[in-house]
Amino acid sequence: MITRNFRPASLSALILSLVFFGNPAFAQEANTQKGPVQGQTGGNGMPAAAVTDQKIEAFAVAYLQVDKVRQEYSTKIGATSDAATKQQLQTEASKKMVQVVEGSPDMSVEEYNAILTAAEKDPALVQRVQDKLQKATPSQQ
């Protein structure tokens, strides 16, 4: 039996991805900045430009599924006033988001986080991801 242990940073990055790509101000900023400097690397030490279209497609599919979980749990969390229940729901949502990414074809949590980290430094990568998200088929959403 293979067991995966996730660091809190991985969960945080996964959750923050929803804020990162869902933030219209960031999208505008990404469009007004110049492209990356030659040889610029993402947070995983790989060149950000090395992210293949296949991986961006897999990321976009995973992102859409994670966003569904976020929306579902956001409603539940907003509907309760009990702090303990809110914390329990947030923990449950985090676990479910990780499961969604793990269940996505051609995408691991580590790859998801690597693309997210690379996108923080590469507006062109953000644009590529946003293009894939806009072209997603209804079945992927």
C-alpha atoms as a PDB file:
ATOM      1  CA  MET A   1       0.000   0.000   0.000  1.00  0.00           C
ATOM      2  CA  ILE A   2       1.365   3.369  -0.993  1.00  0.00           C
ATOM      3  CA  THR A   3       0.647   6.236   1.337  1.00  0.00           C
ATOM      4  CA  ARG A   4       1.198   9.830   0.351  1.00  0.00           C
ATOM      5  CA  ASN A   5       2.025  12.422   2.957  1.00  0.00           C
ATOM      6  CA  PHE A   6       1.303  16.017   2.084  1.00  0.00           C
ATOM      7  CA  ARG A   7       2.979  18.919   3.711  1.00  0.00           C
ATOM      8  CA  PRO A   8       0.762  21.768   4.840  1.00  0.00           C
ATOM      9  CA  ALA A   9       2.540  23.930   2.251  1.00  0.00           C
ATOM     10  CA  SER A  10       1.228  21.676  -0.525  1.00  0.00           C
ATOM     11  CA  LEU A  11      -2.314  22.034   0.721  1.00  0.00           C
ATOM     12  CA  SER A  12      -1.877  25.764   1.100  1.00  0.00           C
ATOM     13  CA  ALA A  13      -0.535  26.105  -2.430  1.00  0.00           C
ATOM     14  CA  LEU A  14      -3.409  24.047  -3.742  1.00  0.00           C
ATOM     15  CA  ILE A  15      -5.945  26.236  -1.992  1.00  0.00           C
ATOM     16  CA  LEU A  16      -4.123  29.444  -2.879  1.00  0.00           C
ATOM     17  CA  SER A  17      -4.274  28.468  -6.530  1.00  0.00           C
ATOM     18  CA  LEU A  18      -7.959  29.229  -6.401  1.00  0.00           C
ATOM     19  CA  VAL A  19      -7.228  32.750  -5.243  1.00  0.00           C
ATOM     20  CA  PHE A  20      -4.315  33.133  -7.649  1.00  0.00           C
ATOM     21  CA  PHE A  21      -6.127  32.241 -10.860  1.00  0.00           C
ATOM     22  CA  GLY A  22      -9.488  33.559  -9.744  1.00  0.00           C
ATOM     23  CA  ASN A  23      -8.175  37.057  -9.051  1.00  0.00           C
ATOM     24  CA  PRO A  24      -9.044  39.400 -11.962  1.00  0.00           C
ATOM     25  CA  ALA A  25      -6.545  41.984 -10.719  1.00  0.00           C
ATOM     26  CA  PHE A  26      -3.752  39.450 -11.063  1.00  0.00           C
ATOM     27  CA  ALA A  27      -4.896  38.562 -14.576  1.00  0.00           C
ATOM     28  CA  GLN A  28      -4.793  42.230 -15.575  1.00  0.00           C
ATOM     29  CA  GLU A  29      -1.369  42.644 -13.999  1.00  0.00           C
ATOM     30  CA  ALA A  30      -0.098  39.546 -15.812  1.00  0.00           C
ATOM     31  CA  ASN A  31      -1.265  40.952 -19.131  1.00  0.00           C
ATOM     32  CA  THR A  32       0.502  44.285 -18.615  1.00  0.00           C
ATOM     33  CA  GLN A  33       3.855  42.891 -17.492  1.00  0.00           C
ATOM     34  CA  LYS A  34       6.643  41.933 -19.837  1.00  0.00           C
ATOM     35  CA  GLY A  35       7.316  38.248 -20.479  1.00  0.00           C
ATOM     36  CA  PRO A  36       9.841  36.273 -18.441  1.00  0.00           C
ATOM     37  CA  VAL A  37      13.543  36.862 -18.767  1.00  0.00           C
ATOM     38  CA  GLN A  38      15.406  34.266 -20.820  1.00  0.00           C
ATOM     39  CA  GLY A  39      16.291  31.325 -18.586  1.00  0.00           C
ATOM     40  CA  GLN A  40      13.877  32.296 -15.812  1.00  0.00           C
ATOM     41  CA  THR A  41      12.867  29.343 -13.703  1.00  0.00           C
ATOM     42  CA  GLY A  42       9.765  28.475 -11.788  1.00  0.00           C
ATOM     43  CA  GLY A  43       9.821  27.651  -8.088  1.00  0.00           C
ATOM     44  CA  ASN A  44      10.654  24.006  -8.786  1.00  0.00           C
ATOM     45  CA  GLY A  45      13.966  24.850 -10.490  1.00  0.00           C
ATOM     46  CA  MET A  46      12.615  23.982 -13.951  1.00  0.00           C
ATOM     47  CA  PRO A  47      12.288  26.609 -16.654  1.00  0.00           C
ATOM     48  CA  ALA A  48       8.727  27.896 -16.501  1.00  0.00           C
ATOM     49  CA  ALA A  49       8.550  27.627 -20.298  1.00  0.00           C
ATOM     50  CA  ALA A  50       9.178  23.863 -19.982  1.00  0.00           C
ATOM     51  CA  VAL A  51       5.586  23.288 -18.874  1.00  0.00           C
ATOM     52  CA  THR A  52       4.065  21.353 -21.749  1.00  0.00           C
ATOM     53  CA  ASP A  53       0.656  22.019 -23.250  1.00  0.00           C
ATOM     54  CA  GLN A  54      -0.377  18.552 -22.039  1.00  0.00           C
ATOM     55  CA  LYS A  55       0.494  19.489 -18.445  1.00  0.00           C
ATOM     56  CA  ILE A  56      -1.306  22.815 -18.764  1.00  0.00           C
ATOM     57  CA  GLU A  57      -4.361  20.961 -20.055  1.00  0.00           C
ATOM     58  CA  ALA A  58      -4.183  18.515 -17.116  1.00  0.00           C
ATOM     59  CA  PHE A  59      -3.712  21.433 -14.703  1.00  0.00           C
ATOM     60  CA  ALA A  60      -6.737  23.234 -16.146  1.00  0.00           C
ATOM     61  CA  VAL A  61      -8.926  20.137 -15.786  1.00  0.00           C
ATOM     62  CA  ALA A  62      -7.750  19.647 -12.186  1.00  0.00           C
ATOM     63  CA  TYR A  63      -8.224  23.338 -11.434  1.00  0.00           C
ATOM     64  CA  LEU A  64     -11.838  23.273 -12.629  1.00  0.00           C
ATOM     65  CA  GLN A  65     -12.582  20.275 -10.417  1.00  0.00           C
ATOM     66  CA  VAL A  66     -10.857  21.886  -7.425  1.00  0.00           C
ATOM     67  CA  ASP A  67     -12.876  25.039  -8.030  1.00  0.00           C
ATOM     68  CA  LYS A  68     -16.105  23.010  -7.855  1.00  0.00           C
ATOM     69  CA  VAL A  69     -15.038  21.701  -4.445  1.00  0.00           C
ATOM     70  CA  ARG A  70     -14.150  25.232  -3.345  1.00  0.00           C
ATOM     71  CA  GLN A  71     -17.550  26.547  -4.385  1.00  0.00           C
ATOM     72  CA  GLU A  72     -19.381  23.689  -2.654  1.00  0.00           C
ATOM     73  CA  TYR A  73     -17.505  24.113   0.608  1.00  0.00           C
ATOM     74  CA  SER A  74     -17.522  27.894   0.480  1.00  0.00           C
ATOM     75  CA  THR A  75     -21.314  27.770   0.597  1.00  0.00           C
ATOM     76  CA  LYS A  76     -21.276  25.310   3.499  1.00  0.00           C
ATOM     77  CA  ILE A  77     -18.681  27.311   5.434  1.00  0.00           C
ATOM     78  CA  GLY A  78     -20.587  30.535   4.884  1.00  0.00           C
ATOM     79  CA  ALA A  79     -23.797  28.956   6.127  1.00  0.00           C
ATOM     80  CA  THR A  80     -22.403  28.058   9.542  1.00  0.00           C
ATOM     81  CA  SER A  81     -21.438  30.343  12.387  1.00  0.00           C
ATOM     82  CA  ASP A  82     -19.757  27.702  14.558  1.00  0.00           C
ATOM     83  CA  ALA A  83     -15.952  28.112  14.421  1.00  0.00           C
ATOM     84  CA  ALA A  84     -15.273  24.422  15.060  1.00  0.00           C
ATOM     85  CA  THR A  85     -17.612  23.392  12.257  1.00  0.00           C
ATOM     86  CA  LYS A  86     -16.007  25.904   9.916  1.00  0.00           C
ATOM     87  CA  GLN A  87     -12.554  24.498  10.712  1.00  0.00           C
ATOM     88  CA  GLN A  88     -13.802  20.957  10.150  1.00  0.00           C
ATOM     89  CA  LEU A  89     -15.307  21.931   6.792  1.00  0.00           C
ATOM     90  CA  GLN A  90     -12.085  23.687   5.739  1.00  0.00           C
ATOM     91  CA  THR A  91     -10.068  20.583   6.580  1.00  0.00           C
ATOM     92  CA  GLU A  92     -12.550  18.408   4.720  1.00  0.00           C
ATOM     93  CA  ALA A  93     -12.397  20.723   1.707  1.00  0.00           C
ATOM     94  CA  SER A  94      -8.592  20.628   1.660  1.00  0.00           C
ATOM     95  CA  LYS A  95      -8.580  16.833   1.697  1.00  0.00           C
ATOM     96  CA  LYS A  96     -11.173  16.676  -1.050  1.00  0.00           C
ATOM     97  CA  MET A  97      -9.182  19.128  -3.206  1.00  0.00           C
ATOM     98  CA  VAL A  98      -6.093  16.949  -2.872  1.00  0.00           C
ATOM     99  CA  GLN A  99      -8.140  13.876  -3.809  1.00  0.00           C
ATOM    100  CA  VAL A 100      -9.482  15.660  -6.872  1.00  0.00           C
ATOM    101  CA  VAL A 101      -5.997  16.565  -8.061  1.00  0.00           C
ATOM    102  CA  GLU A 102      -4.721  13.033  -7.371  1.00  0.00           C
ATOM    103  CA  GLY A 103      -7.645  11.639  -9.364  1.00  0.00           C
ATOM    104  CA  SER A 104      -6.959  13.896 -12.332  1.00  0.00           C
ATOM    105  CA  PRO A 105      -5.299  12.215 -15.306  1.00  0.00           C
ATOM    106  CA  ASP A 106      -1.678  13.217 -15.919  1.00  0.00           C
ATOM    107  CA  MET A 107      -1.490  15.462 -12.837  1.00  0.00           C
ATOM    108  CA  SER A 108      -0.097  15.012  -9.344  1.00  0.00           C
ATOM    109  CA  VAL A 109      -0.327  17.397  -6.417  1.00  0.00           C
ATOM    110  CA  GLU A 110       3.397  18.087  -6.810  1.00  0.00           C
ATOM    111  CA  GLU A 111       2.981  18.952 -10.509  1.00  0.00           C
ATOM    112  CA  TYR A 112      -0.076  21.073  -9.733  1.00  0.00           C
ATOM    113  CA  ASN A 113       1.902  23.033  -7.163  1.00  0.00           C
ATOM    114  CA  ALA A 114       4.937  23.286  -9.474  1.00  0.00           C
ATOM    115  CA  ILE A 115       2.817  24.828 -12.236  1.00  0.00           C
ATOM    116  CA  LEU A 116       1.238  27.176  -9.728  1.00  0.00           C
ATOM    117  CA  THR A 117       4.651  28.250  -8.420  1.00  0.00           C
ATOM    118  CA  ALA A 118       6.040  28.701 -11.925  1.00  0.00           C
ATOM    119  CA  ALA A 119       3.002  30.789 -12.883  1.00  0.00           C
ATOM    120  CA  GLU A 120       3.660  33.161  -9.996  1.00  0.00           C
ATOM    121  CA  LYS A 121       6.829  34.228 -11.813  1.00  0.00           C
ATOM    122  CA  ASP A 122       5.722  33.839 -15.415  1.00  0.00           C
ATOM    123  CA  PRO A 123       2.775  35.908 -16.687  1.00  0.00           C
ATOM    124  CA  ALA A 124       2.988  34.081 -20.032  1.00  0.00           C
ATOM    125  CA  LEU A 125       2.318  30.807 -18.230  1.00  0.00           C
ATOM    126  CA  VAL A 126      -0.665  32.387 -16.462  1.00  0.00           C
ATOM    127  CA  GLN A 127      -2.012  33.413 -19.852  1.00  0.00           C
ATOM    128  CA  ARG A 128      -1.524  29.887 -21.243  1.00  0.00           C
ATOM    129  CA  VAL A 129      -3.437  28.429 -18.286  1.00  0.00           C
ATOM    130  CA  GLN A 130      -6.216  30.995 -18.571  1.00  0.00           C
ATOM    131  CA  ASP A 131      -6.529  30.222 -22.292  1.00  0.00           C
ATOM    132  CA  LYS A 132      -6.966  26.517 -21.486  1.00  0.00           C
ATOM    133  CA  LEU A 133      -9.526  27.330 -18.810  1.00  0.00           C
ATOM    134  CA  GLN A 134     -11.551  29.430 -21.246  1.00  0.00           C
ATOM    135  CA  LYS A 135     -11.472  26.646 -23.845  1.00  0.00           C
ATOM    136  CA  ALA A 136     -12.462  23.921 -21.373  1.00  0.00           C
ATOM    137  CA  THR A 137     -15.347  21.801 -22.534  1.00  0.00           C
ATOM    138  CA  PRO A 138     -18.560  21.770 -20.496  1.00  0.00           C
ATOM    139  CA  SER A 139     -17.845  18.182 -19.383  1.00  0.00           C
ATOM    140  CA  GLN A 140     -14.562  19.346 -17.832  1.00  0.00           C
ATOM    141  CA  GLN A 141     -16.346  22.107 -15.974  1.00  0.00           C
END
